[in-house]
Amino acid sequence: MDGISALIVDDSSVMRKIVERSLRQAGITLTQVFEAGNGAEALVVLAENRVGLILCDINMPVMDGLEFVKQLSGVPNAKDVPVVMITTEGSEAHVVQALSSGARGYIRKPFTPDQVKEQVIPVLAGKSSCP
């Protein structure tokens, strides 16, 4: 798989690094990694940069992940960019809400690199990856 640029959106800088490391351990070659602490910051990053993958937490201050995903449709640099939600929210309702908002995959915290690989590789290949 060719290298891709990714945007990791999470209010925890430690979690952003864990996600990045898990992507690399899953065998995904990252050419560039952008980070944002909430959905509003992520929209600013996307206004200036094109990415091939977005991994986004749901529960964040300022703008949560669900609102961020809903707003992506109006962002030219985010057209057809797959979004995988990463969150502690485990309820079926949150899964349905995230996927109906435009996410293509869903990973529950805590996760392993294998779980990241299992969810992200199919999404990058253009298939929906619902747990």
N, C-alpha and C. Protein backbone atom coordinates (compact mmCIF):
# COMPACT_ATOMS: atom_id res chain seq x y z
N MET A 1 0.85 -1.19 0.00
CA MET A 1 0.00 0.00 0.00
C MET A 1 0.89 1.24 0.00
N ASP A 2 0.59 2.16 -0.88
CA ASP A 2 1.35 3.41 -0.95
C ASP A 2 1.12 4.23 0.32
N GLY A 3 2.03 5.13 0.60
CA GLY A 3 1.90 5.97 1.78
C GLY A 3 0.75 6.96 1.64
N ILE A 4 0.16 7.29 2.77
CA ILE A 4 -0.93 8.26 2.78
C ILE A 4 -0.67 9.30 3.86
N SER A 5 -1.32 10.43 3.72
CA SER A 5 -1.30 11.43 4.79
C SER A 5 -2.57 11.25 5.60
N ALA A 6 -2.45 11.46 6.88
CA ALA A 6 -3.59 11.24 7.78
C ALA A 6 -3.79 12.44 8.69
N LEU A 7 -5.04 12.65 9.08
CA LEU A 7 -5.40 13.65 10.09
C LEU A 7 -5.95 12.89 11.28
N ILE A 8 -5.34 13.09 12.45
CA ILE A 8 -5.79 12.44 13.67
C ILE A 8 -6.39 13.52 14.57
N VAL A 9 -7.66 13.35 14.90
CA VAL A 9 -8.39 14.35 15.67
C VAL A 9 -8.78 13.75 17.02
N ASP A 10 -8.19 14.26 18.09
CA ASP A 10 -8.49 13.78 19.45
C ASP A 10 -8.05 14.88 20.41
N ASP A 11 -8.80 15.07 21.48
CA ASP A 11 -8.44 16.12 22.43
C ASP A 11 -7.26 15.72 23.32
N SER A 12 -6.82 14.48 23.24
CA SER A 12 -5.65 14.03 24.01
C SER A 12 -4.46 13.88 23.08
N SER A 13 -3.39 14.65 23.34
CA SER A 13 -2.19 14.55 22.51
C SER A 13 -1.56 13.17 22.63
N VAL A 14 -1.66 12.56 23.81
CA VAL A 14 -1.13 11.21 24.01
C VAL A 14 -1.90 10.22 23.13
N MET A 15 -3.22 10.34 23.08
CA MET A 15 -4.02 9.44 22.26
C MET A 15 -3.71 9.63 20.77
N ARG A 16 -3.46 10.87 20.35
CA ARG A 16 -3.11 11.11 18.94
C ARG A 16 -1.82 10.35 18.59
N LYS A 17 -0.85 10.35 19.49
CA LYS A 17 0.41 9.63 19.25
C LYS A 17 0.17 8.12 19.25
N ILE A 18 -0.69 7.64 20.13
CA ILE A 18 -1.01 6.21 20.18
C ILE A 18 -1.68 5.78 18.88
N VAL A 19 -2.58 6.59 18.36
CA VAL A 19 -3.25 6.28 17.10
C VAL A 19 -2.22 6.23 15.97
N GLU A 20 -1.34 7.23 15.92
CA GLU A 20 -0.32 7.26 14.88
C GLU A 20 0.57 6.02 14.96
N ARG A 21 1.02 5.68 16.15
CA ARG A 21 1.88 4.51 16.33
C ARG A 21 1.13 3.23 15.92
N SER A 22 -0.14 3.13 16.27
CA SER A 22 -0.93 1.95 15.92
C SER A 22 -1.10 1.82 14.41
N LEU A 23 -1.28 2.95 13.72
CA LEU A 23 -1.37 2.92 12.25
C LEU A 23 -0.08 2.38 11.66
N ARG A 24 1.04 2.87 12.15
CA ARG A 24 2.34 2.42 11.64
C ARG A 24 2.55 0.93 11.96
N GLN A 25 2.19 0.51 13.18
CA GLN A 25 2.34 -0.89 13.55
C GLN A 25 1.40 -1.79 12.75
N ALA A 26 0.31 -1.23 12.26
CA ALA A 26 -0.64 -1.98 11.44
C ALA A 26 -0.14 -2.12 10.00
N GLY A 27 1.02 -1.52 9.70
CA GLY A 27 1.59 -1.65 8.38
C GLY A 27 1.17 -0.56 7.40
N ILE A 28 0.56 0.49 7.92
CA ILE A 28 0.11 1.59 7.08
C ILE A 28 1.24 2.62 7.00
N THR A 29 1.69 2.90 5.79
CA THR A 29 2.78 3.85 5.59
C THR A 29 2.21 5.26 5.58
N LEU A 30 2.63 6.06 6.54
CA LEU A 30 2.16 7.43 6.66
C LEU A 30 3.22 8.37 6.11
N THR A 31 2.85 9.15 5.11
CA THR A 31 3.79 10.12 4.56
C THR A 31 3.78 11.42 5.36
N GLN A 32 2.63 11.74 5.92
CA GLN A 32 2.49 12.95 6.72
C GLN A 32 1.33 12.76 7.69
N VAL A 33 1.50 13.26 8.91
CA VAL A 33 0.44 13.17 9.92
C VAL A 33 0.13 14.56 10.43
N PHE A 34 -1.14 14.93 10.30
CA PHE A 34 -1.63 16.20 10.86
C PHE A 34 -2.40 15.86 12.12
N GLU A 35 -2.39 16.79 13.09
CA GLU A 35 -3.10 16.57 14.34
C GLU A 35 -4.00 17.75 14.63
N ALA A 36 -5.12 17.44 15.30
CA ALA A 36 -6.04 18.48 15.75
C ALA A 36 -6.65 18.04 17.07
N GLY A 37 -6.91 19.00 17.95
CA GLY A 37 -7.44 18.70 19.27
C GLY A 37 -8.96 18.67 19.34
N ASN A 38 -9.63 19.10 18.26
CA ASN A 38 -11.10 19.05 18.20
C ASN A 38 -11.53 19.25 16.75
N GLY A 39 -12.81 19.13 16.52
CA GLY A 39 -13.33 19.24 15.16
C GLY A 39 -13.08 20.59 14.52
N ALA A 40 -13.16 21.66 15.29
CA ALA A 40 -12.93 23.00 14.74
C ALA A 40 -11.49 23.14 14.25
N GLU A 41 -10.53 22.67 15.06
CA GLU A 41 -9.12 22.71 14.65
C GLU A 41 -8.91 21.85 13.40
N ALA A 42 -9.59 20.71 13.33
CA ALA A 42 -9.45 19.80 12.19
C ALA A 42 -9.95 20.46 10.91
N LEU A 43 -11.02 21.23 10.99
CA LEU A 43 -11.53 21.93 9.81
C LEU A 43 -10.51 22.95 9.31
N VAL A 44 -9.81 23.61 10.23
CA VAL A 44 -8.76 24.56 9.85
C VAL A 44 -7.63 23.82 9.13
N VAL A 45 -7.23 22.67 9.66
CA VAL A 45 -6.17 21.87 9.03
C VAL A 45 -6.60 21.47 7.62
N LEU A 46 -7.85 21.04 7.47
CA LEU A 46 -8.34 20.59 6.16
C LEU A 46 -8.53 21.73 5.17
N ALA A 47 -8.66 22.94 5.67
CA ALA A 47 -8.80 24.09 4.77
C ALA A 47 -7.50 24.33 4.01
N GLU A 48 -6.38 23.88 4.59
CA GLU A 48 -5.08 24.13 3.98
C GLU A 48 -4.34 22.87 3.51
N ASN A 49 -4.86 21.69 3.85
CA ASN A 49 -4.15 20.46 3.55
C ASN A 49 -5.11 19.38 3.05
N ARG A 50 -4.60 18.54 2.17
CA ARG A 50 -5.37 17.39 1.68
C ARG A 50 -4.83 16.14 2.36
N VAL A 51 -5.72 15.30 2.88
CA VAL A 51 -5.31 14.06 3.52
C VAL A 51 -6.03 12.88 2.86
N GLY A 52 -5.52 11.68 3.12
CA GLY A 52 -6.12 10.48 2.56
C GLY A 52 -6.92 9.68 3.56
N LEU A 53 -6.83 10.07 4.86
CA LEU A 53 -7.52 9.34 5.92
C LEU A 53 -7.71 10.27 7.11
N ILE A 54 -8.88 10.18 7.73
CA ILE A 54 -9.14 10.93 8.96
C ILE A 54 -9.54 9.94 10.04
N LEU A 55 -8.88 10.03 11.18
CA LEU A 55 -9.27 9.25 12.36
C LEU A 55 -9.69 10.25 13.41
N CYS A 56 -10.89 10.06 13.95
CA CYS A 56 -11.48 11.11 14.78
C CYS A 56 -12.18 10.55 16.01
N ASP A 57 -11.88 11.14 17.15
CA ASP A 57 -12.58 10.84 18.39
C ASP A 57 -13.99 11.41 18.31
N ILE A 58 -14.91 10.90 19.13
CA ILE A 58 -16.26 11.48 19.16
C ILE A 58 -16.36 12.56 20.24
N ASN A 59 -15.94 12.23 21.46
CA ASN A 59 -16.11 13.16 22.58
C ASN A 59 -14.93 14.11 22.70
N MET A 60 -15.17 15.37 22.27
CA MET A 60 -14.14 16.41 22.35
C MET A 60 -14.81 17.74 22.67
N PRO A 61 -14.05 18.66 23.28
CA PRO A 61 -14.61 20.00 23.52
C PRO A 61 -14.67 20.80 22.21
N VAL A 62 -15.32 21.92 22.24
CA VAL A 62 -15.45 22.88 21.14
C VAL A 62 -16.33 22.32 20.03
N MET A 63 -15.86 21.29 19.31
CA MET A 63 -16.67 20.63 18.29
C MET A 63 -16.39 19.13 18.37
N ASP A 64 -17.43 18.36 18.67
CA ASP A 64 -17.23 16.92 18.80
C ASP A 64 -17.09 16.25 17.43
N GLY A 65 -16.74 14.98 17.45
CA GLY A 65 -16.48 14.25 16.23
C GLY A 65 -17.69 14.09 15.32
N LEU A 66 -18.87 13.93 15.91
CA LEU A 66 -20.08 13.77 15.08
C LEU A 66 -20.39 15.06 14.31
N GLU A 67 -20.26 16.20 14.97
CA GLU A 67 -20.49 17.48 14.31
C GLU A 67 -19.41 17.71 13.24
N PHE A 68 -18.18 17.35 13.56
CA PHE A 68 -17.09 17.49 12.59
C PHE A 68 -17.38 16.69 11.32
N VAL A 69 -17.79 15.44 11.48
CA VAL A 69 -18.07 14.59 10.32
C VAL A 69 -19.20 15.19 9.48
N LYS A 70 -20.22 15.72 10.15
CA LYS A 70 -21.34 16.34 9.43
C LYS A 70 -20.87 17.54 8.60
N GLN A 71 -19.90 18.29 9.13
CA GLN A 71 -19.43 19.50 8.44
C GLN A 71 -18.44 19.20 7.31
N LEU A 72 -17.93 17.98 7.24
CA LEU A 72 -16.95 17.64 6.21
C LEU A 72 -17.51 17.77 4.80
N SER A 73 -18.80 17.61 4.63
CA SER A 73 -19.38 17.67 3.28
C SER A 73 -19.16 19.03 2.63
N GLY A 74 -18.95 20.06 3.44
CA GLY A 74 -18.72 21.40 2.90
C GLY A 74 -17.26 21.76 2.75
N VAL A 75 -16.37 20.78 2.94
CA VAL A 75 -14.93 21.05 2.88
C VAL A 75 -14.35 20.41 1.61
N PRO A 76 -13.92 21.24 0.64
CA PRO A 76 -13.40 20.69 -0.62
C PRO A 76 -12.27 19.67 -0.44
N ASN A 77 -11.34 19.91 0.49
CA ASN A 77 -10.22 19.00 0.70
C ASN A 77 -10.63 17.69 1.37
N ALA A 78 -11.89 17.59 1.80
CA ALA A 78 -12.33 16.38 2.51
C ALA A 78 -13.25 15.51 1.66
N LYS A 79 -13.47 15.89 0.41
CA LYS A 79 -14.34 15.11 -0.46
C LYS A 79 -13.80 13.69 -0.60
N ASP A 80 -14.63 12.72 -0.32
CA ASP A 80 -14.30 11.30 -0.47
C ASP A 80 -13.16 10.82 0.42
N VAL A 81 -12.81 11.57 1.45
CA VAL A 81 -11.77 11.13 2.38
C VAL A 81 -12.45 10.24 3.44
N PRO A 82 -11.98 9.00 3.59
CA PRO A 82 -12.61 8.12 4.57
C PRO A 82 -12.34 8.57 6.00
N VAL A 83 -13.37 8.44 6.83
CA VAL A 83 -13.27 8.81 8.24
C VAL A 83 -13.52 7.56 9.09
N VAL A 84 -12.63 7.31 10.03
CA VAL A 84 -12.80 6.23 10.99
C VAL A 84 -12.90 6.88 12.37
N MET A 85 -13.98 6.59 13.06
CA MET A 85 -14.17 7.14 14.40
C MET A 85 -13.44 6.26 15.41
N ILE A 86 -12.79 6.90 16.38
CA ILE A 86 -12.10 6.18 17.45
C ILE A 86 -12.61 6.78 18.76
N THR A 87 -13.23 5.94 19.59
CA THR A 87 -13.87 6.49 20.78
C THR A 87 -14.09 5.46 21.87
N THR A 88 -14.36 5.94 23.07
CA THR A 88 -14.73 5.07 24.18
C THR A 88 -16.22 4.76 24.15
N GLU A 89 -16.97 5.52 23.35
CA GLU A 89 -18.41 5.29 23.25
C GLU A 89 -18.67 3.95 22.61
N GLY A 90 -19.23 3.03 23.37
CA GLY A 90 -19.43 1.69 22.84
C GLY A 90 -20.86 1.34 22.52
N SER A 91 -21.78 2.24 22.77
CA SER A 91 -23.18 1.90 22.55
C SER A 91 -23.50 1.79 21.07
N GLU A 92 -24.44 0.92 20.75
CA GLU A 92 -24.86 0.73 19.36
C GLU A 92 -25.37 2.02 18.76
N ALA A 93 -26.04 2.85 19.58
CA ALA A 93 -26.59 4.12 19.09
C ALA A 93 -25.48 5.03 18.59
N HIS A 94 -24.35 5.06 19.30
CA HIS A 94 -23.23 5.90 18.86
C HIS A 94 -22.61 5.37 17.57
N VAL A 95 -22.54 4.05 17.43
CA VAL A 95 -22.02 3.46 16.21
C VAL A 95 -22.89 3.87 15.02
N VAL A 96 -24.19 3.71 15.19
CA VAL A 96 -25.14 4.05 14.12
C VAL A 96 -25.06 5.54 13.80
N GLN A 97 -25.00 6.38 14.83
CA GLN A 97 -24.93 7.83 14.63
C GLN A 97 -23.65 8.21 13.88
N ALA A 98 -22.53 7.64 14.26
CA ALA A 98 -21.26 7.95 13.60
C ALA A 98 -21.30 7.52 12.13
N LEU A 99 -21.79 6.32 11.87
CA LEU A 99 -21.81 5.82 10.50
C LEU A 99 -22.82 6.58 9.65
N SER A 100 -23.95 6.94 10.23
CA SER A 100 -24.94 7.68 9.45
C SER A 100 -24.50 9.12 9.20
N SER A 101 -23.55 9.61 10.00
CA SER A 101 -23.02 10.96 9.81
C SER A 101 -21.95 11.00 8.72
N GLY A 102 -21.50 9.84 8.27
CA GLY A 102 -20.52 9.81 7.20
C GLY A 102 -19.26 9.03 7.49
N ALA A 103 -19.08 8.57 8.73
CA ALA A 103 -17.90 7.75 9.04
C ALA A 103 -18.01 6.42 8.31
N ARG A 104 -16.86 5.87 7.95
CA ARG A 104 -16.85 4.59 7.24
C ARG A 104 -16.37 3.44 8.11
N GLY A 105 -15.91 3.77 9.30
CA GLY A 105 -15.45 2.73 10.21
C GLY A 105 -15.50 3.24 11.64
N TYR A 106 -15.28 2.32 12.58
CA TYR A 106 -15.46 2.64 13.98
C TYR A 106 -14.55 1.75 14.81
N ILE A 107 -13.69 2.34 15.63
CA ILE A 107 -12.79 1.59 16.50
C ILE A 107 -13.05 2.02 17.94
N ARG A 108 -13.23 1.04 18.81
CA ARG A 108 -13.47 1.36 20.22
C ARG A 108 -12.15 1.35 21.00
N LYS A 109 -11.99 2.35 21.89
CA LYS A 109 -10.84 2.38 22.80
C LYS A 109 -11.16 1.44 23.96
N PRO A 110 -10.18 0.78 24.52
CA PRO A 110 -8.81 0.66 24.05
C PRO A 110 -8.76 -0.27 22.84
N PHE A 111 -7.72 -0.10 22.01
CA PHE A 111 -7.62 -0.89 20.79
C PHE A 111 -6.18 -1.36 20.61
N THR A 112 -6.03 -2.34 19.74
CA THR A 112 -4.70 -2.86 19.41
C THR A 112 -4.36 -2.48 17.97
N PRO A 113 -3.09 -2.54 17.59
CA PRO A 113 -2.74 -2.29 16.19
C PRO A 113 -3.48 -3.24 15.23
N ASP A 114 -3.71 -4.48 15.67
CA ASP A 114 -4.45 -5.42 14.82
C ASP A 114 -5.88 -4.95 14.58
N GLN A 115 -6.52 -4.40 15.62
CA GLN A 115 -7.88 -3.88 15.45
C GLN A 115 -7.89 -2.66 14.53
N VAL A 116 -6.85 -1.84 14.64
CA VAL A 116 -6.73 -0.68 13.75
C VAL A 116 -6.59 -1.17 12.31
N LYS A 117 -5.71 -2.15 12.11
CA LYS A 117 -5.50 -2.71 10.77
C LYS A 117 -6.80 -3.28 10.22
N GLU A 118 -7.52 -4.02 11.04
CA GLU A 118 -8.77 -4.67 10.64
C GLU A 118 -9.83 -3.66 10.21
N GLN A 119 -9.82 -2.49 10.81
CA GLN A 119 -10.81 -1.47 10.49
C GLN A 119 -10.35 -0.51 9.39
N VAL A 120 -9.08 -0.14 9.40
CA VAL A 120 -8.59 0.91 8.50
C VAL A 120 -8.27 0.40 7.10
N ILE A 121 -7.65 -0.77 6.99
CA ILE A 121 -7.26 -1.28 5.66
C ILE A 121 -8.47 -1.40 4.72
N PRO A 122 -9.59 -2.02 5.16
CA PRO A 122 -10.76 -2.09 4.26
C PRO A 122 -11.31 -0.70 3.89
N VAL A 123 -11.25 0.22 4.83
CA VAL A 123 -11.75 1.59 4.55
C VAL A 123 -10.88 2.24 3.49
N LEU A 124 -9.58 2.06 3.59
CA LEU A 124 -8.67 2.64 2.59
C LEU A 124 -8.85 1.96 1.23
N ALA A 125 -9.29 0.71 1.25
CA ALA A 125 -9.53 -0.03 0.01
C ALA A 125 -10.90 0.33 -0.60
N GLY A 126 -11.64 1.19 0.11
CA GLY A 126 -12.92 1.65 -0.43
C GLY A 126 -14.13 0.88 0.04
N LYS A 127 -13.93 0.00 1.02
CA LYS A 127 -15.05 -0.77 1.55
C LYS A 127 -15.43 -0.21 2.90
N SER A 128 -16.71 -0.26 3.23
CA SER A 128 -17.15 0.14 4.56
C SER A 128 -16.68 -0.90 5.55
N SER A 129 -16.32 -0.48 6.74
CA SER A 129 -15.80 -1.40 7.74
C SER A 129 -16.55 -1.24 9.04
N CYS A 130 -17.69 -1.83 9.11
CA CYS A 130 -18.52 -1.71 10.31
C CYS A 130 -18.23 -2.86 11.25
N PRO A 131 -18.00 -2.58 12.53
CA PRO A 131 -17.73 -3.66 13.49
C PRO A 131 -18.95 -4.51 13.73
